[in-house]
Protein backbone atom coordinates (compact mmCIF):
# COMPACT_ATOMS: atom_id res chain seq x y z
CA MET A 1 10.37 -19.39 -8.63
CA ALA A 2 7.81 -16.95 -7.25
CA THR A 3 9.00 -13.53 -6.17
CA ILE A 4 8.67 -12.48 -2.55
CA PHE A 5 5.79 -10.22 -3.64
CA SER A 6 3.95 -13.11 -5.32
CA ARG A 7 4.40 -15.08 -2.12
CA ILE A 8 2.92 -12.15 -0.16
CA VAL A 9 -0.11 -12.06 -2.48
CA ALA A 10 -0.52 -15.83 -2.07
CA GLY A 11 -0.50 -15.45 1.72
CA GLU A 12 2.71 -17.45 2.15
CA ILE A 13 4.45 -14.43 3.67
CA PRO A 14 2.58 -11.99 5.93
CA SER A 15 2.14 -8.34 4.97
CA TYR A 16 0.45 -5.21 6.22
CA LYS A 17 -2.19 -5.12 3.49
CA VAL A 18 -3.86 -1.80 2.78
CA ALA A 19 -5.82 -2.63 -0.39
CA GLU A 20 -6.53 -5.45 -2.81
CA SER A 21 -8.43 -6.04 -6.02
CA ASP A 22 -8.58 -9.03 -8.31
CA LYS A 23 -5.47 -7.76 -10.17
CA PHE A 24 -3.56 -5.56 -7.72
CA TYR A 25 -2.31 -5.56 -4.14
CA ALA A 26 -1.00 -2.79 -1.88
CA PHE A 27 0.88 -3.22 1.40
CA LEU A 28 3.17 -1.27 3.69
CA ASP A 29 6.90 -1.34 3.00
CA ILE A 30 8.57 -3.10 5.95
CA ALA A 31 11.56 -0.73 5.72
CA PRO A 32 9.71 2.53 5.12
CA LEU A 33 11.10 5.95 4.30
CA ALA A 34 8.10 7.45 6.13
CA LYS A 35 5.06 6.24 8.05
CA GLY A 36 2.58 5.04 5.44
CA HIS A 37 5.19 4.14 2.76
CA THR A 38 3.19 1.72 0.63
CA LEU A 39 4.05 -0.64 -2.21
CA VAL A 40 1.53 -1.22 -5.00
CA ILE A 41 1.98 -4.28 -7.22
CA PRO A 42 0.21 -6.17 -9.96
CA LYS A 43 -0.59 -9.73 -8.94
CA ILE A 44 1.00 -11.00 -12.15
CA GLU A 45 4.77 -11.30 -12.11
CA ASP A 46 6.76 -9.06 -14.39
CA ASP A 47 10.00 -7.38 -13.45
CA TYR A 48 9.72 -4.17 -15.52
CA ILE A 49 6.80 -1.75 -15.47
CA PHE A 50 7.11 -0.88 -19.17
CA HIS A 51 6.72 -4.55 -20.10
CA LEU A 52 3.18 -4.67 -18.69
CA ASP A 53 0.36 -4.88 -21.19
CA GLU A 54 -1.58 -1.62 -21.61
CA GLN A 55 -4.60 -2.71 -19.57
CA THR A 56 -2.48 -3.86 -16.60
CA TYR A 57 -0.28 -0.76 -16.79
CA ALA A 58 -3.25 1.63 -16.78
CA GLY A 59 -5.05 -0.38 -14.10
CA LEU A 60 -1.99 -0.38 -11.86
CA TRP A 61 -1.71 3.41 -11.99
CA ASP A 62 -5.45 3.83 -11.39
CA PHE A 63 -5.27 1.52 -8.36
CA ALA A 64 -2.12 3.32 -7.11
CA ARG A 65 -3.88 6.69 -7.38
CA LYS A 66 -6.70 5.47 -5.13
CA VAL A 67 -4.21 3.99 -2.64
CA ALA A 68 -2.28 7.28 -2.64
CA ALA A 69 -5.48 9.17 -1.80
CA ALA A 70 -6.03 6.84 1.17
CA VAL A 71 -2.42 7.24 2.32
CA GLU A 72 -2.77 11.02 2.12
CA LYS A 73 -5.93 10.91 4.27
CA VAL A 74 -4.16 8.94 7.02
CA CYS A 75 -0.56 10.17 6.96
CA PRO A 76 -0.02 13.91 7.41
CA CYS A 77 2.01 15.09 4.42
CA LYS A 78 2.16 17.76 1.74
CA ARG A 79 1.76 15.12 -0.96
CA VAL A 80 2.41 11.48 -1.76
CA GLY A 81 5.53 10.90 -3.82
CA VAL A 82 5.92 8.15 -6.38
CA ALA A 83 8.96 6.08 -7.29
CA VAL A 84 9.31 3.09 -9.57
CA LEU A 85 12.72 1.51 -9.16
CA GLY A 86 12.32 -2.24 -9.36
CA MET A 87 15.93 -3.15 -8.80
CA GLU A 88 15.71 -4.86 -5.41
CA VAL A 89 12.76 -7.19 -6.13
CA PRO A 90 12.16 -8.51 -9.66
CA HIS A 91 8.43 -7.75 -9.55
CA VAL A 92 6.87 -4.47 -10.71
CA HIS A 93 6.14 -2.22 -7.75
CA ILE A 94 5.26 1.40 -7.20
CA HIS A 95 6.47 3.13 -4.03
CA LEU A 96 3.99 5.62 -2.56
CA VAL A 97 5.76 7.74 0.05
CA PRO A 98 4.20 10.50 2.18
CA LEU A 99 6.34 13.62 1.62
CA ASN A 100 6.83 16.92 3.34
CA ASN A 101 9.91 17.86 1.29
CA GLU A 102 11.82 16.42 -1.67
CA GLY A 103 14.48 14.89 0.58
CA ASP A 104 11.86 12.52 1.99
CA LEU A 105 12.09 10.45 -1.21
CA ASP A 106 15.79 9.62 -0.79
CA PHE A 107 16.23 5.84 -0.74
CA LYS A 108 19.78 6.28 0.64
CA LYS A 109 18.52 7.69 3.93
CA GLU A 110 18.03 5.50 6.99
CA LYS A 111 14.79 3.56 6.95
CA LEU A 112 12.29 3.64 9.80
CA SER A 113 11.88 0.67 12.10
CA LEU A 114 8.33 0.70 13.41
CA PRO A 115 6.82 -1.78 15.88
CA ALA A 116 4.41 -4.34 14.43
CA GLU A 117 1.48 -2.83 16.32
CA GLN A 118 2.12 0.59 14.77
CA MET A 119 2.51 -0.89 11.29
CA GLN A 120 -0.78 -2.77 11.68
CA ASP A 121 -2.52 0.38 12.93
CA ILE A 122 -1.29 2.41 9.95
CA ALA A 123 -2.28 -0.37 7.51
CA SER A 124 -5.74 -0.68 9.05
CA ARG A 125 -6.36 3.07 8.88
CA ILE A 126 -5.21 3.28 5.26
CA ALA A 127 -7.37 0.26 4.37
CA GLU A 128 -10.37 1.91 6.02
CA ALA A 129 -9.73 5.15 4.12
CA PHE A 130 -9.33 3.19 0.87
CA ASP A 131 -12.69 1.51 1.40
CA THR A 132 -14.41 4.88 1.72
CA LEU A 133 -13.09 6.25 -1.59
């Protein structure tokens, strides 16, 4: 059975897409820690980042670095934090979270609830920044 992320890539479930290549996909987290919190995934299904083949692993991090640069251009922050947890969805995913202090990367804190229009605006601006890199 396809993961929710594979269903997002296939277009079966909507997402706020910020970037896509033939092998990778990036979209806003629907329960973000901060405005611009983005998930970066490989299009292939694997549930553990260290099980990826070397080419996919390296490509994922290269793609994530470019997405992070776009997030940083759009979302005011001191830096973009990275987390790889993978416990809640059995599909490799990298969290990119705009940070102003270390506490901003605490997954126990209350998540933001942003209106759809604001999420789409953020996604569109990140996508535009990504395209210029």
